[in-house]
Amino acid sequence: MAMEKLREASASERAREMIELRRKAEHDAATRLEDARLDGLEQGLQQGLQQGLQQGRDDAMREAAKRLRDAGVSDEAIQKATGLGPEDLD
């Protein structure tokens, strides 16, 4: 009888350990998933910011080129000063 109680207690302890290990594994997996999601968001925001800044610089150069052209500056001089190509001056 005492041995049976000991076996039951031991089995219950193992079951609790297994449940705790599973809970920890699920928590770790959820944490890794959330970290990956946040990393992806951060990368996306950084990429979007860089693209937006580049677009703003490009737009500013084209606007400057337009003003220079309106002021009578040659396309060659505008290209040299702004780094824009001939297709950007159209």
Protein backbone atom coordinates (compact mmCIF):
# COMPACT_ATOMS: atom_id res chain seq x y z
CA MET A 1 0.00 0.00 0.00
CA ALA A 2 2.74 2.45 0.91
CA MET A 3 4.64 1.54 -2.26
CA GLU A 4 1.53 2.27 -4.34
CA LYS A 5 1.17 5.71 -2.73
CA LEU A 6 4.85 6.38 -3.37
CA ARG A 7 4.45 5.40 -7.04
CA GLU A 8 1.39 7.65 -7.39
CA ALA A 9 3.21 10.58 -5.79
CA SER A 10 6.23 9.99 -8.00
CA ALA A 11 4.06 9.79 -11.12
CA SER A 12 2.26 12.98 -10.12
CA GLU A 13 5.58 14.76 -9.64
CA ARG A 14 6.74 13.63 -13.09
CA ALA A 15 3.47 14.80 -14.61
CA ARG A 16 3.86 18.21 -12.94
CA GLU A 17 7.44 18.44 -14.23
CA MET A 18 6.31 17.57 -17.76
CA ILE A 19 3.51 20.12 -17.61
CA GLU A 20 5.92 22.79 -16.36
CA LEU A 21 8.46 21.95 -19.07
CA ARG A 22 5.76 22.16 -21.73
CA ARG A 23 4.53 25.50 -20.35
CA LYS A 24 8.08 26.88 -20.42
CA ALA A 25 8.63 25.62 -23.98
CA GLU A 26 5.38 27.25 -25.15
CA HIS A 27 6.34 30.51 -23.44
CA ASP A 28 9.80 30.44 -25.03
CA ALA A 29 8.29 29.79 -28.46
CA ALA A 30 5.84 32.67 -28.03
CA THR A 31 8.67 34.96 -26.92
CA ARG A 32 10.79 34.04 -29.95
CA LEU A 33 7.84 34.63 -32.25
CA GLU A 34 7.13 38.06 -30.73
CA ASP A 35 10.82 39.00 -30.93
CA ALA A 36 10.90 37.99 -34.61
CA ARG A 37 7.73 40.00 -35.28
CA LEU A 38 9.20 43.08 -33.60
CA ASP A 39 12.47 42.67 -35.50
CA GLY A 40 10.50 42.49 -38.76
CA LEU A 41 8.54 45.61 -37.88
CA GLU A 42 11.72 47.47 -37.01
CA GLN A 43 13.38 46.43 -40.27
CA GLY A 44 10.29 47.45 -42.24
CA LEU A 45 10.16 50.85 -40.56
CA GLN A 46 13.87 51.44 -41.16
CA GLN A 47 13.55 50.43 -44.80
CA GLY A 48 10.49 52.63 -45.27
CA LEU A 49 12.24 55.56 -43.63
CA GLN A 50 15.32 55.16 -45.83
CA GLN A 51 13.18 54.92 -48.96
CA GLY A 52 11.21 58.00 -47.92
CA LEU A 53 14.37 60.00 -47.26
CA GLN A 54 15.85 58.95 -50.60
CA GLN A 55 12.62 59.86 -52.39
CA GLY A 56 12.66 63.26 -50.68
CA ARG A 57 16.27 63.87 -51.76
CA ASP A 58 15.48 62.81 -55.32
CA ASP A 59 12.43 65.09 -55.43
CA ALA A 60 14.49 67.99 -54.07
CA MET A 61 17.17 67.45 -56.74
CA ARG A 62 14.58 67.35 -59.51
CA GLU A 63 12.99 70.54 -58.18
CA ALA A 64 16.39 72.23 -58.03
CA ALA A 65 17.11 71.05 -61.57
CA LYS A 66 13.81 72.50 -62.76
CA ARG A 67 14.61 75.86 -61.17
CA LEU A 68 18.10 75.85 -62.64
CA ARG A 69 16.71 75.03 -66.07
CA ASP A 70 14.12 77.82 -65.69
CA ALA A 71 17.01 80.16 -64.82
CA GLY A 72 18.72 79.24 -68.08
CA VAL A 73 21.40 76.87 -66.81
CA SER A 74 22.38 74.21 -69.35
CA ASP A 75 21.28 70.61 -68.90
CA GLU A 76 24.92 69.52 -68.83
CA ALA A 77 25.71 71.91 -65.97
CA ILE A 78 22.56 70.82 -64.10
CA GLN A 79 23.50 67.15 -64.49
CA LYS A 80 27.00 67.84 -63.24
CA ALA A 81 25.77 69.85 -60.24
CA THR A 82 22.92 67.56 -59.20
CA GLY A 83 24.10 64.12 -60.30
CA LEU A 84 20.83 63.63 -62.15
CA GLY A 85 20.75 61.86 -65.49
CA PRO A 86 19.24 63.22 -68.69
CA GLU A 87 16.08 61.15 -68.12
CA ASP A 88 15.57 62.95 -64.79
CA LEU A 89 15.53 66.35 -66.46
CA ASP A 90 12.58 65.60 -68.72
